[in-house]
N, C-alpha and C. Protein backbone atom coordinates (compact mmCIF):
# COMPACT_ATOMS: atom_id res chain seq x y z
N UNK A 1 20.76 -11.25 -4.50
CA UNK A 1 19.53 -11.91 -4.15
C UNK A 1 18.45 -11.47 -5.10
N UNK A 2 17.58 -12.36 -5.47
CA UNK A 2 16.56 -12.04 -6.46
C UNK A 2 15.38 -11.33 -5.81
N UNK A 3 14.60 -10.68 -6.67
CA UNK A 3 13.44 -9.96 -6.19
C UNK A 3 12.39 -10.91 -5.63
N UNK A 4 12.25 -12.09 -6.20
CA UNK A 4 11.24 -13.03 -5.71
C UNK A 4 11.57 -13.54 -4.33
N UNK A 5 12.85 -13.60 -3.98
CA UNK A 5 13.20 -14.04 -2.64
C UNK A 5 12.78 -13.00 -1.61
N UNK A 6 12.91 -11.70 -1.97
CA UNK A 6 12.49 -10.66 -1.06
C UNK A 6 10.97 -10.58 -0.96
N UNK A 7 10.30 -10.67 -2.09
CA UNK A 7 8.86 -10.47 -2.10
C UNK A 7 8.08 -11.76 -1.91
N UNK A 8 8.75 -12.87 -1.83
CA UNK A 8 8.06 -14.15 -1.70
C UNK A 8 7.37 -14.33 -0.37
N UNK A 9 7.74 -13.54 0.61
CA UNK A 9 7.16 -13.68 1.93
C UNK A 9 6.70 -12.30 2.38
N UNK A 10 5.49 -12.23 2.87
CA UNK A 10 4.98 -10.93 3.26
C UNK A 10 5.63 -10.48 4.56
N UNK A 11 5.51 -9.19 4.86
CA UNK A 11 6.12 -8.64 6.07
C UNK A 11 5.51 -9.24 7.32
N UNK A 12 4.21 -9.43 7.30
CA UNK A 12 3.54 -9.99 8.47
C UNK A 12 4.00 -11.41 8.75
N UNK A 13 4.11 -12.22 7.71
CA UNK A 13 4.58 -13.59 7.89
C UNK A 13 6.04 -13.62 8.30
N UNK A 14 6.80 -12.65 7.89
CA UNK A 14 8.20 -12.57 8.28
C UNK A 14 8.35 -12.41 9.78
N UNK A 15 7.52 -11.57 10.39
CA UNK A 15 7.58 -11.40 11.83
C UNK A 15 7.12 -12.67 12.55
N UNK A 16 6.16 -13.36 12.01
CA UNK A 16 5.73 -14.63 12.60
C UNK A 16 6.84 -15.67 12.50
N UNK A 17 7.53 -15.69 11.38
CA UNK A 17 8.65 -16.61 11.22
C UNK A 17 9.80 -16.25 12.15
N UNK A 18 10.00 -14.98 12.41
CA UNK A 18 11.03 -14.56 13.34
C UNK A 18 10.70 -15.04 14.75
N UNK A 19 9.43 -14.91 15.13
CA UNK A 19 9.02 -15.38 16.45
C UNK A 19 9.18 -16.88 16.59
N UNK A 20 8.94 -17.62 15.52
CA UNK A 20 9.06 -19.08 15.55
C UNK A 20 10.49 -19.54 15.29
N UNK A 21 11.41 -18.62 15.12
CA UNK A 21 12.82 -18.89 14.90
C UNK A 21 13.08 -19.62 13.58
N UNK A 22 12.27 -19.32 12.56
CA UNK A 22 12.50 -19.85 11.22
C UNK A 22 13.31 -18.87 10.37
N UNK A 23 13.47 -17.66 10.86
CA UNK A 23 14.10 -16.60 10.10
C UNK A 23 14.99 -15.81 11.06
N UNK A 24 16.17 -15.44 10.60
CA UNK A 24 17.04 -14.65 11.48
C UNK A 24 16.73 -13.16 11.32
N UNK A 25 17.07 -12.34 12.31
CA UNK A 25 16.71 -10.91 12.27
C UNK A 25 17.33 -10.16 11.10
N UNK A 26 18.54 -10.52 10.71
CA UNK A 26 19.17 -9.82 9.60
C UNK A 26 18.41 -10.06 8.29
N UNK A 27 18.01 -11.29 8.05
CA UNK A 27 17.29 -11.60 6.81
C UNK A 27 15.92 -10.93 6.79
N UNK A 28 15.24 -10.92 7.94
CA UNK A 28 13.94 -10.25 8.02
C UNK A 28 14.08 -8.76 7.76
N UNK A 29 15.04 -8.12 8.41
CA UNK A 29 15.18 -6.67 8.24
C UNK A 29 15.61 -6.31 6.82
N UNK A 30 16.42 -7.14 6.19
CA UNK A 30 16.80 -6.83 4.81
C UNK A 30 15.63 -7.00 3.86
N UNK A 31 14.77 -7.98 4.10
CA UNK A 31 13.58 -8.16 3.25
C UNK A 31 12.61 -7.00 3.41
N UNK A 32 12.38 -6.61 4.63
CA UNK A 32 11.40 -5.53 4.87
C UNK A 32 11.95 -4.19 4.40
N UNK A 33 13.19 -3.90 4.72
CA UNK A 33 13.78 -2.62 4.35
C UNK A 33 13.90 -2.45 2.85
N UNK A 34 13.94 -3.55 2.12
CA UNK A 34 14.03 -3.49 0.66
C UNK A 34 12.73 -2.99 0.03
N UNK A 35 11.60 -3.30 0.63
CA UNK A 35 10.31 -2.95 0.01
C UNK A 35 9.60 -1.79 0.69
N UNK A 36 10.12 -1.28 1.79
CA UNK A 36 9.43 -0.23 2.53
C UNK A 36 9.37 1.08 1.77
N UNK A 37 10.49 1.56 1.26
CA UNK A 37 10.51 2.85 0.55
C UNK A 37 9.70 2.79 -0.75
N UNK A 38 9.80 1.72 -1.56
CA UNK A 38 8.91 1.66 -2.73
C UNK A 38 7.42 1.63 -2.36
N UNK A 39 7.08 0.99 -1.24
CA UNK A 39 5.69 0.99 -0.79
C UNK A 39 5.24 2.41 -0.47
N UNK A 40 6.06 3.15 0.25
CA UNK A 40 5.72 4.52 0.61
C UNK A 40 5.61 5.40 -0.62
N UNK A 41 6.54 5.24 -1.56
CA UNK A 41 6.50 6.05 -2.79
C UNK A 41 5.27 5.73 -3.63
N UNK A 42 4.94 4.47 -3.76
CA UNK A 42 3.76 4.08 -4.53
C UNK A 42 2.48 4.60 -3.90
N UNK A 43 2.38 4.48 -2.59
CA UNK A 43 1.18 4.98 -1.91
C UNK A 43 1.08 6.49 -2.03
N UNK A 44 2.20 7.19 -1.89
CA UNK A 44 2.20 8.64 -2.05
C UNK A 44 1.83 9.07 -3.46
N UNK A 45 2.34 8.34 -4.46
CA UNK A 45 2.02 8.65 -5.85
C UNK A 45 0.53 8.44 -6.13
N UNK A 46 -0.03 7.36 -5.62
CA UNK A 46 -1.46 7.12 -5.80
C UNK A 46 -2.30 8.18 -5.09
N UNK A 47 -1.86 8.60 -3.93
CA UNK A 47 -2.57 9.64 -3.19
C UNK A 47 -2.57 10.95 -3.98
N UNK A 48 -1.41 11.31 -4.53
CA UNK A 48 -1.31 12.53 -5.34
C UNK A 48 -2.14 12.39 -6.62
N UNK A 49 -2.13 11.20 -7.21
CA UNK A 49 -2.91 10.96 -8.42
C UNK A 49 -4.41 11.11 -8.14
N UNK A 50 -4.87 10.59 -7.03
CA UNK A 50 -6.28 10.76 -6.67
C UNK A 50 -6.62 12.23 -6.45
N UNK A 51 -5.71 12.97 -5.85
CA UNK A 51 -5.94 14.40 -5.62
C UNK A 51 -6.01 15.17 -6.93
N UNK A 52 -5.08 14.89 -7.84
CA UNK A 52 -5.02 15.64 -9.09
C UNK A 52 -6.15 15.29 -10.05
N UNK A 53 -6.67 14.07 -9.97
CA UNK A 53 -7.75 13.68 -10.88
C UNK A 53 -9.14 13.95 -10.30
N UNK A 54 -9.19 14.47 -9.09
CA UNK A 54 -10.48 14.85 -8.52
C UNK A 54 -11.26 13.72 -7.88
N UNK A 55 -10.61 12.63 -7.54
CA UNK A 55 -11.27 11.54 -6.84
C UNK A 55 -11.13 11.80 -5.34
N UNK A 56 -11.99 12.69 -4.83
CA UNK A 56 -11.83 13.21 -3.48
C UNK A 56 -12.07 12.14 -2.42
N UNK A 57 -13.02 11.28 -2.63
CA UNK A 57 -13.31 10.25 -1.62
C UNK A 57 -12.14 9.28 -1.50
N UNK A 58 -11.61 8.85 -2.64
CA UNK A 58 -10.47 7.93 -2.61
C UNK A 58 -9.24 8.63 -2.01
N UNK A 59 -9.07 9.90 -2.30
CA UNK A 59 -7.96 10.65 -1.73
C UNK A 59 -8.10 10.74 -0.22
N UNK A 60 -9.30 11.06 0.26
CA UNK A 60 -9.50 11.18 1.70
C UNK A 60 -9.37 9.84 2.41
N UNK A 61 -9.73 8.75 1.73
CA UNK A 61 -9.57 7.43 2.33
C UNK A 61 -8.10 7.02 2.41
N UNK A 62 -7.30 7.44 1.46
CA UNK A 62 -5.89 7.06 1.47
C UNK A 62 -5.01 8.03 2.25
N UNK A 63 -5.55 9.16 2.64
CA UNK A 63 -4.76 10.18 3.32
C UNK A 63 -4.24 9.76 4.70
N UNK A 64 -5.04 9.09 5.56
CA UNK A 64 -4.48 8.70 6.87
C UNK A 64 -3.27 7.76 6.77
N UNK A 65 -3.32 6.82 5.85
CA UNK A 65 -2.18 5.92 5.69
C UNK A 65 -0.98 6.67 5.12
N UNK A 66 -1.22 7.59 4.21
CA UNK A 66 -0.12 8.39 3.66
C UNK A 66 0.50 9.25 4.76
N UNK A 67 -0.33 9.79 5.64
CA UNK A 67 0.19 10.59 6.76
C UNK A 67 1.02 9.72 7.71
N UNK A 68 0.53 8.51 7.99
CA UNK A 68 1.28 7.59 8.86
C UNK A 68 2.61 7.23 8.22
N UNK A 69 2.61 6.94 6.92
CA UNK A 69 3.85 6.61 6.22
C UNK A 69 4.82 7.79 6.25
N UNK A 70 4.33 8.99 6.00
CA UNK A 70 5.18 10.17 6.01
C UNK A 70 5.75 10.43 7.40
N UNK A 71 4.92 10.26 8.42
CA UNK A 71 5.38 10.46 9.80
C UNK A 71 6.46 9.44 10.16
N UNK A 72 6.28 8.18 9.76
CA UNK A 72 7.27 7.15 10.01
C UNK A 72 8.58 7.47 9.28
N UNK A 73 8.47 7.91 8.04
CA UNK A 73 9.66 8.20 7.24
C UNK A 73 10.44 9.39 7.79
N UNK A 74 9.73 10.46 8.15
CA UNK A 74 10.41 11.66 8.63
C UNK A 74 11.05 11.46 10.00
N UNK A 75 10.52 10.56 10.81
CA UNK A 75 11.11 10.30 12.12
C UNK A 75 12.11 9.14 12.08
N UNK A 76 12.43 8.65 10.89
CA UNK A 76 13.38 7.54 10.68
C UNK A 76 12.99 6.28 11.42
N UNK A 77 11.69 6.02 11.50
CA UNK A 77 11.20 4.78 12.12
C UNK A 77 10.67 3.81 11.08
N UNK A 78 10.90 4.10 9.81
CA UNK A 78 10.35 3.26 8.75
C UNK A 78 11.18 2.01 8.50
N UNK A 79 12.46 2.03 8.81
CA UNK A 79 13.31 0.87 8.58
C UNK A 79 13.37 0.01 9.83
N UNK A 80 13.46 -1.30 9.64
CA UNK A 80 13.54 -2.23 10.75
C UNK A 80 15.01 -2.38 11.13
N UNK A 81 15.33 -2.13 12.38
CA UNK A 81 16.69 -2.25 12.88
C UNK A 81 16.95 -3.69 13.31
N UNK A 82 18.06 -4.23 12.88
CA UNK A 82 18.39 -5.63 13.17
C UNK A 82 18.57 -5.84 14.67
N UNK A 83 19.17 -4.88 15.34
CA UNK A 83 19.47 -5.07 16.76
C UNK A 83 18.25 -4.90 17.65
N UNK A 84 17.22 -4.22 17.17
CA UNK A 84 16.05 -3.97 18.01
C UNK A 84 14.79 -4.63 17.48
N UNK A 85 14.94 -5.59 16.61
CA UNK A 85 13.76 -6.18 15.98
C UNK A 85 12.92 -6.98 16.97
N UNK A 86 13.54 -7.57 17.97
CA UNK A 86 12.76 -8.36 18.93
C UNK A 86 11.95 -7.49 19.89
N UNK A 87 12.35 -6.23 20.06
CA UNK A 87 11.60 -5.32 20.92
C UNK A 87 10.30 -4.86 20.28
N UNK A 88 10.28 -4.82 18.95
CA UNK A 88 9.13 -4.24 18.25
C UNK A 88 8.33 -5.27 17.47
N UNK A 89 8.53 -6.55 17.72
CA UNK A 89 7.86 -7.59 16.93
C UNK A 89 6.34 -7.47 17.04
N UNK A 90 5.82 -7.38 18.24
CA UNK A 90 4.36 -7.38 18.38
C UNK A 90 3.72 -6.12 17.81
N UNK A 91 4.33 -4.96 18.06
CA UNK A 91 3.74 -3.73 17.52
C UNK A 91 3.86 -3.66 16.01
N UNK A 92 4.99 -4.13 15.46
CA UNK A 92 5.16 -4.13 14.01
C UNK A 92 4.18 -5.10 13.34
N UNK A 93 3.95 -6.25 13.97
CA UNK A 93 2.99 -7.20 13.41
C UNK A 93 1.59 -6.59 13.36
N UNK A 94 1.19 -5.93 14.42
CA UNK A 94 -0.13 -5.31 14.47
C UNK A 94 -0.26 -4.19 13.44
N UNK A 95 0.76 -3.35 13.36
CA UNK A 95 0.72 -2.23 12.41
C UNK A 95 0.67 -2.73 10.98
N UNK A 96 1.46 -3.74 10.67
CA UNK A 96 1.49 -4.27 9.30
C UNK A 96 0.22 -5.05 8.97
N UNK A 97 -0.39 -5.67 9.96
CA UNK A 97 -1.66 -6.36 9.73
C UNK A 97 -2.78 -5.35 9.45
N UNK A 98 -2.78 -4.25 10.17
CA UNK A 98 -3.78 -3.19 9.93
C UNK A 98 -3.58 -2.58 8.55
N UNK A 99 -2.32 -2.31 8.18
CA UNK A 99 -2.05 -1.77 6.85
C UNK A 99 -2.43 -2.75 5.75
N UNK A 100 -2.19 -4.04 5.98
CA UNK A 100 -2.58 -5.05 5.00
C UNK A 100 -4.09 -5.06 4.82
N UNK A 101 -4.83 -5.00 5.91
CA UNK A 101 -6.29 -4.94 5.82
C UNK A 101 -6.76 -3.70 5.07
N UNK A 102 -6.13 -2.56 5.35
CA UNK A 102 -6.47 -1.33 4.65
C UNK A 102 -6.21 -1.47 3.16
N UNK A 103 -5.05 -2.01 2.80
CA UNK A 103 -4.70 -2.15 1.39
C UNK A 103 -5.64 -3.11 0.66
N UNK A 104 -6.07 -4.16 1.33
CA UNK A 104 -7.00 -5.11 0.70
C UNK A 104 -8.35 -4.43 0.45
N UNK A 105 -8.86 -3.72 1.44
CA UNK A 105 -10.13 -3.01 1.29
C UNK A 105 -10.02 -1.92 0.23
N UNK A 106 -8.92 -1.17 0.25
CA UNK A 106 -8.71 -0.09 -0.71
C UNK A 106 -8.60 -0.64 -2.12
N UNK A 107 -7.89 -1.76 -2.28
CA UNK A 107 -7.78 -2.40 -3.59
C UNK A 107 -9.15 -2.84 -4.10
N UNK A 108 -9.98 -3.38 -3.21
CA UNK A 108 -11.34 -3.76 -3.59
C UNK A 108 -12.16 -2.56 -4.04
N UNK A 109 -12.02 -1.44 -3.35
CA UNK A 109 -12.75 -0.23 -3.74
C UNK A 109 -12.29 0.28 -5.11
N UNK A 110 -11.00 0.27 -5.34
CA UNK A 110 -10.48 0.76 -6.62
C UNK A 110 -10.94 -0.14 -7.76
N UNK A 111 -10.88 -1.44 -7.58
CA UNK A 111 -11.32 -2.36 -8.63
C UNK A 111 -12.81 -2.23 -8.87
N UNK A 112 -13.60 -2.07 -7.81
CA UNK A 112 -15.04 -1.90 -7.96
C UNK A 112 -15.36 -0.63 -8.73
N UNK A 113 -14.70 0.47 -8.38
CA UNK A 113 -14.94 1.73 -9.10
C UNK A 113 -14.51 1.63 -10.55
N UNK A 114 -13.42 0.92 -10.81
CA UNK A 114 -12.95 0.72 -12.18
C UNK A 114 -13.96 -0.09 -12.98
N UNK A 115 -14.48 -1.15 -12.39
CA UNK A 115 -15.47 -1.98 -13.08
C UNK A 115 -16.75 -1.19 -13.35
N UNK A 116 -17.21 -0.41 -12.39
CA UNK A 116 -18.41 0.40 -12.60
C UNK A 116 -18.19 1.46 -13.68
N UNK A 117 -17.00 2.01 -13.74
CA UNK A 117 -16.68 2.99 -14.77
C UNK A 117 -16.69 2.35 -16.16
N UNK A 118 -16.13 1.17 -16.28
CA UNK A 118 -16.10 0.48 -17.57
C UNK A 118 -17.52 0.09 -17.99
N UNK A 119 -18.31 -0.41 -17.06
CA UNK A 119 -19.69 -0.81 -17.39
C UNK A 119 -20.51 0.41 -17.80
N UNK A 120 -20.37 1.52 -17.09
CA UNK A 120 -21.14 2.71 -17.47
C UNK A 120 -20.70 3.27 -18.81
N UNK A 121 -19.41 3.13 -19.14
CA UNK A 121 -18.92 3.60 -20.44
C UNK A 121 -19.41 2.70 -21.57
N UNK A 122 -19.39 1.41 -21.35
CA UNK A 122 -19.81 0.47 -22.40
C UNK A 122 -21.29 0.57 -22.68
N UNK A 123 -22.09 0.72 -21.64
CA UNK A 123 -23.53 0.73 -21.83
C UNK A 123 -24.13 2.14 -21.92
N UNK A 124 -23.30 3.14 -22.09
CA UNK A 124 -23.81 4.51 -22.22
C UNK A 124 -24.39 4.70 -23.62
N UNK A 125 -25.33 5.63 -23.74
CA UNK A 125 -25.90 5.94 -25.05
C UNK A 125 -24.85 6.62 -25.91
N UNK A 126 -24.98 6.42 -27.22
CA UNK A 126 -24.02 7.01 -28.14
C UNK A 126 -24.08 8.53 -28.13
N UNK A 127 -25.26 9.10 -27.90
CA UNK A 127 -25.37 10.55 -27.86
C UNK A 127 -24.61 11.13 -26.68
N UNK A 128 -24.61 10.41 -25.54
CA UNK A 128 -23.87 10.88 -24.39
C UNK A 128 -22.37 10.89 -24.67
N UNK A 129 -21.88 9.89 -25.35
CA UNK A 129 -20.46 9.82 -25.65
C UNK A 129 -20.06 10.92 -26.62
N UNK A 130 -20.89 11.16 -27.64
CA UNK A 130 -20.60 12.22 -28.61
C UNK A 130 -20.65 13.57 -27.94
N UNK A 131 -21.65 13.81 -27.09
CA UNK A 131 -21.77 15.10 -26.41
C UNK A 131 -20.60 15.30 -25.45
N UNK A 132 -20.17 14.26 -24.77
CA UNK A 132 -19.05 14.38 -23.85
C UNK A 132 -17.75 14.64 -24.58
N UNK A 133 -17.55 13.99 -25.71
CA UNK A 133 -16.29 14.15 -26.44
C UNK A 133 -16.20 15.53 -27.10
N UNK A 134 -17.32 16.18 -27.40
CA UNK A 134 -17.25 17.51 -28.00
C UNK A 134 -16.99 18.58 -26.96
N UNK A 135 -17.32 18.30 -25.71
CA UNK A 135 -17.07 19.31 -24.66
C UNK A 135 -15.58 19.42 -24.40
N UNK A 136 -14.90 18.30 -24.38
CA UNK A 136 -13.48 18.32 -24.06
C UNK A 136 -12.72 18.18 -25.31
């Protein structure tokens, strides 16, 4: 199966399609389980990167989601079970919708900070750039 088939539908829409009987439980669980561990690894790597580069506010904002992901992973609740998917549809939809909202807001913050950093670098005085480059 190709990567676009797995990633072509978001996790939240997958649960809605399962409720509407457009998707079978095995296909939904295989799609979600395929992207769950890379999502956790990417979020953990970004959290560590924020910590190591001294972006304390961004690190503290991403820490609760990283803790939730770690707690889910360590208790083996991160994968969707095919046999119990109908029991957890409503809670999984809510949790994934909240995480989606967090990721959208977090992405907006990162892009905004990146744009402000580029603008401040481009419009900085030449003496500031020379003085900064000689310190490091």
